C-alpha atoms as a PDB file:
ATOM      1  CA  UNK A   1       3.797  12.356  46.909  1.00  0.00           C
ATOM      2  CA  UNK A   2       4.170   8.790  45.685  1.00  0.00           C
ATOM      3  CA  UNK A   3       5.740   8.218  42.298  1.00  0.00           C
ATOM      4  CA  UNK A   4       3.320   7.235  39.593  1.00  0.00           C
ATOM      5  CA  UNK A   5       3.362   3.583  38.677  1.00  0.00           C
ATOM      6  CA  UNK A   6       4.337   2.811  35.161  1.00  0.00           C
ATOM      7  CA  UNK A   7       1.986   0.557  33.310  1.00  0.00           C
ATOM      8  CA  UNK A   8       3.702  -2.636  32.239  1.00  0.00           C
ATOM      9  CA  UNK A   9       4.311  -2.922  28.541  1.00  0.00           C
ATOM     10  CA  UNK A  10       2.141  -5.472  26.833  1.00  0.00           C
ATOM     11  CA  UNK A  11       3.945  -8.523  25.504  1.00  0.00           C
ATOM     12  CA  UNK A  12       4.928  -8.640  21.860  1.00  0.00           C
ATOM     13  CA  UNK A  13       2.158 -11.191  21.306  1.00  0.00           C
ATOM     14  CA  UNK A  14      -0.312  -8.434  22.023  1.00  0.00           C
ATOM     15  CA  UNK A  15       0.514  -6.859  18.692  1.00  0.00           C
ATOM     16  CA  UNK A  16      -2.635  -7.628  16.850  1.00  0.00           C
ATOM     17  CA  UNK A  17      -1.847  -9.985  14.019  1.00  0.00           C
ATOM     18  CA  UNK A  18      -5.498  -9.849  13.050  1.00  0.00           C
ATOM     19  CA  UNK A  19      -5.248  -6.107  12.335  1.00  0.00           C
ATOM     20  CA  UNK A  20      -2.196  -6.664  10.168  1.00  0.00           C
ATOM     21  CA  UNK A  21      -3.902  -9.456   8.271  1.00  0.00           C
ATOM     22  CA  UNK A  22      -7.069  -7.409   7.841  1.00  0.00           C
ATOM     23  CA  UNK A  23      -5.111  -4.443   6.489  1.00  0.00           C
ATOM     24  CA  UNK A  24      -3.247  -6.651   4.050  1.00  0.00           C
ATOM     25  CA  UNK A  25      -6.401  -8.372   2.805  1.00  0.00           C
ATOM     26  CA  UNK A  26      -8.191  -5.007   2.462  1.00  0.00           C
ATOM     27  CA  UNK A  27      -5.284  -3.685   0.414  1.00  0.00           C
ATOM     28  CA  UNK A  28      -5.340  -6.808  -1.783  1.00  0.00           C
ATOM     29  CA  UNK A  29      -9.067  -6.367  -2.368  1.00  0.00           C
ATOM     30  CA  UNK A  30      -8.662  -2.731  -3.340  1.00  0.00           C
ATOM     31  CA  UNK A  31      -5.802  -3.674  -5.681  1.00  0.00           C
ATOM     32  CA  UNK A  32      -7.854  -6.475  -7.298  1.00  0.00           C
ATOM     33  CA  UNK A  33     -10.771  -4.081  -7.959  1.00  0.00           C
ATOM     34  CA  UNK A  34      -8.410  -1.461  -9.433  1.00  0.00           C
ATOM     35  CA  UNK A  35      -6.671  -4.107 -11.496  1.00  0.00           C
ATOM     36  CA  UNK A  36      -9.939  -5.414 -12.818  1.00  0.00           C
ATOM     37  CA  UNK A  37     -11.315  -1.995 -13.725  1.00  0.00           C
ATOM     38  CA  UNK A  38      -8.170  -0.331 -14.958  1.00  0.00           C
ATOM     39  CA  UNK A  39      -6.287  -3.005 -16.817  1.00  0.00           C
ATOM     40  CA  UNK A  40      -8.865  -5.621 -17.702  1.00  0.00           C
ATOM     41  CA  UNK A  41     -12.118  -3.724 -18.287  1.00  0.00           C
ATOM     42  CA  UNK A  42     -11.036  -0.289 -19.654  1.00  0.00           C
ATOM     43  CA  UNK A  43      -8.809  -1.606 -22.461  1.00  0.00           C
ATOM     44  CA  UNK A  44     -11.827  -3.392 -23.922  1.00  0.00           C
ATOM     45  CA  UNK A  45     -13.235   0.018 -24.840  1.00  0.00           C
ATOM     46  CA  UNK A  46     -10.412   0.196 -27.441  1.00  0.00           C
ATOM     47  CA  UNK A  47      -8.889   3.376 -26.067  1.00  0.00           C
ATOM     48  CA  UNK A  48      -5.569   1.604 -25.596  1.00  0.00           C
ATOM     49  CA  UNK A  49      -3.958  -0.402 -28.359  1.00  0.00           C
ATOM     50  CA  UNK A  50      -1.586  -3.253 -27.831  1.00  0.00           C
ATOM     51  CA  UNK A  51      -2.226  -6.588 -26.162  1.00  0.00           C
ATOM     52  CA  UNK A  52       1.446  -7.093 -25.289  1.00  0.00           C
ATOM     53  CA  UNK A  53       1.569  -3.797 -23.434  1.00  0.00           C
ATOM     54  CA  UNK A  54      -1.474  -4.732 -21.393  1.00  0.00           C
ATOM     55  CA  UNK A  55       0.064  -8.101 -20.413  1.00  0.00           C
ATOM     56  CA  UNK A  56       3.206  -6.289 -19.268  1.00  0.00           C
ATOM     57  CA  UNK A  57       1.126  -3.845 -17.213  1.00  0.00           C
ATOM     58  CA  UNK A  58      -0.818  -6.682 -15.591  1.00  0.00           C
ATOM     59  CA  UNK A  59       2.334  -8.616 -14.660  1.00  0.00           C
ATOM     60  CA  UNK A  60       4.063  -5.549 -13.320  1.00  0.00           C
ATOM     61  CA  UNK A  61       0.952  -4.467 -11.432  1.00  0.00           C
ATOM     62  CA  UNK A  62       0.480  -7.913  -9.940  1.00  0.00           C
ATOM     63  CA  UNK A  63       3.984  -7.923  -8.501  1.00  0.00           C
ATOM     64  CA  UNK A  64       3.784  -4.371  -7.178  1.00  0.00           C
ATOM     65  CA  UNK A  65       0.184  -4.740  -5.972  1.00  0.00           C
ATOM     66  CA  UNK A  66       0.894  -7.809  -3.862  1.00  0.00           C
ATOM     67  CA  UNK A  67       4.125  -6.216  -2.648  1.00  0.00           C
ATOM     68  CA  UNK A  68       2.246  -3.032  -1.782  1.00  0.00           C
ATOM     69  CA  UNK A  69      -0.356  -4.953   0.168  1.00  0.00           C
ATOM     70  CA  UNK A  70       2.424  -6.734   2.040  1.00  0.00           C
ATOM     71  CA  UNK A  71       4.095  -3.389   2.823  1.00  0.00           C
ATOM     72  CA  UNK A  72       0.815  -1.970   4.138  1.00  0.00           C
ATOM     73  CA  UNK A  73       0.324  -4.960   6.404  1.00  0.00           C
ATOM     74  CA  UNK A  74       3.901  -4.788   7.685  1.00  0.00           C
ATOM     75  CA  UNK A  75       3.741  -1.045   8.265  1.00  0.00           C
ATOM     76  CA  UNK A  76       0.493  -1.481  10.177  1.00  0.00           C
ATOM     77  CA  UNK A  77       2.220  -3.990  12.423  1.00  0.00           C
ATOM     78  CA  UNK A  78       5.290  -1.756  12.714  1.00  0.00           C
ATOM     79  CA  UNK A  79       3.243   1.297  13.733  1.00  0.00           C
ATOM     80  CA  UNK A  80       1.346  -0.753  16.291  1.00  0.00           C
ATOM     81  CA  UNK A  81       4.679  -2.005  17.667  1.00  0.00           C
ATOM     82  CA  UNK A  82       5.940   1.571  17.923  1.00  0.00           C
ATOM     83  CA  UNK A  83       2.751   2.599  19.704  1.00  0.00           C
ATOM     84  CA  UNK A  84       2.939  -0.211  22.245  1.00  0.00           C
ATOM     85  CA  UNK A  85       6.654  -0.787  22.825  1.00  0.00           C
ATOM     86  CA  UNK A  86       8.545   2.465  22.144  1.00  0.00           C
ATOM     87  CA  UNK A  87       8.349   4.967  24.950  1.00  0.00           C
ATOM     88  CA  UNK A  88       6.946   8.330  23.904  1.00  0.00           C
ATOM     89  CA  UNK A  89       9.991  10.222  25.093  1.00  0.00           C
ATOM     90  CA  UNK A  90      12.334   8.065  23.061  1.00  0.00           C
ATOM     91  CA  UNK A  91      14.141  10.285  20.575  1.00  0.00           C
ATOM     92  CA  UNK A  92      13.803   7.775  17.769  1.00  0.00           C
ATOM     93  CA  UNK A  93      10.046   7.257  18.093  1.00  0.00           C
ATOM     94  CA  UNK A  94       9.162   9.997  15.632  1.00  0.00           C
ATOM     95  CA  UNK A  95      11.674   8.601  13.116  1.00  0.00           C
ATOM     96  CA  UNK A  96      10.284   5.106  13.509  1.00  0.00           C
ATOM     97  CA  UNK A  97       6.717   6.325  13.026  1.00  0.00           C
ATOM     98  CA  UNK A  98       7.811   8.361  10.011  1.00  0.00           C
ATOM     99  CA  UNK A  99       9.447   5.300   8.452  1.00  0.00           C
ATOM    100  CA  UNK A 100       6.240   3.317   9.057  1.00  0.00           C
ATOM    101  CA  UNK A 101       4.185   6.030   7.370  1.00  0.00           C
ATOM    102  CA  UNK A 102       6.580   6.231   4.378  1.00  0.00           C
ATOM    103  CA  UNK A 103       6.439   2.432   4.006  1.00  0.00           C
ATOM    104  CA  UNK A 104       2.648   2.600   4.016  1.00  0.00           C
ATOM    105  CA  UNK A 105       2.660   5.294   1.333  1.00  0.00           C
ATOM    106  CA  UNK A 106       4.998   3.199  -0.855  1.00  0.00           C
ATOM    107  CA  UNK A 107       2.550   0.325  -0.421  1.00  0.00           C
ATOM    108  CA  UNK A 108      -0.328   2.560  -1.504  1.00  0.00           C
ATOM    109  CA  UNK A 109       1.588   3.548  -4.633  1.00  0.00           C
ATOM    110  CA  UNK A 110       2.091  -0.142  -5.443  1.00  0.00           C
ATOM    111  CA  UNK A 111      -1.619  -0.817  -4.965  1.00  0.00           C
ATOM    112  CA  UNK A 112      -2.661   2.217  -6.993  1.00  0.00           C
ATOM    113  CA  UNK A 113      -0.367   1.393  -9.941  1.00  0.00           C
ATOM    114  CA  UNK A 114      -3.178   0.201 -12.216  1.00  0.00           C
ATOM    115  CA  UNK A 115      -5.032   3.477 -11.763  1.00  0.00           C
ATOM    116  CA  UNK A 116      -1.837   5.504 -12.194  1.00  0.00           C
ATOM    117  CA  UNK A 117      -1.001   3.600 -15.394  1.00  0.00           C
ATOM    118  CA  UNK A 118      -4.423   4.189 -16.930  1.00  0.00           C
ATOM    119  CA  UNK A 119      -4.356   7.832 -15.918  1.00  0.00           C
ATOM    120  CA  UNK A 120      -0.947   8.365 -17.615  1.00  0.00           C
ATOM    121  CA  UNK A 121      -2.147   6.521 -20.705  1.00  0.00           C
ATOM    122  CA  UNK A 122      -5.278   8.667 -20.944  1.00  0.00           C
ATOM    123  CA  UNK A 123      -3.324  11.899 -20.399  1.00  0.00           C
ATOM    124  CA  UNK A 124      -0.876  10.921 -23.152  1.00  0.00           C
ATOM    125  CA  UNK A 125      -3.784  10.041 -25.413  1.00  0.00           C
ATOM    126  CA  UNK A 126      -5.473  13.379 -24.811  1.00  0.00           C
ATOM    127  CA  UNK A 127      -2.357  15.524 -24.987  1.00  0.00           C
ATOM    128  CA  UNK A 128      -0.498  13.909 -27.889  1.00  0.00           C
ATOM    129  CA  UNK A 129      -3.226  12.026 -29.705  1.00  0.00           C
ATOM    130  CA  UNK A 130      -1.427   8.707 -29.437  1.00  0.00           C
ATOM    131  CA  UNK A 131      -0.853   6.226 -26.641  1.00  0.00           C
ATOM    132  CA  UNK A 132       2.444   4.819 -25.346  1.00  0.00           C
END
């Protein structure tokens, strides 16, 4: 019985930069929509008081949203690299994939910060009767 031929590994250039860019732009679009709805549109309904607080939220959310989109794009590229270049019987492959998934989840938290902020503000308003 002849030994099975191993397929050659694709070159590093085969890692699809387009997929990474598409994931990052999709994450930025989702963040922009959440930012617009949560921190720009909802406060105009006068549920939340304080213009200074809203500016702080927007600045913080902008930094974390763009950073989260970058993390999602990088983790997409990282997971694709692990799929293409790390052999399945490598002991560290599951750890590398886990780190890629955790990075992606951290990016999602950064993107979802506007929604999380508004949710916390509404819960405090409902439970205590006053906002932050």
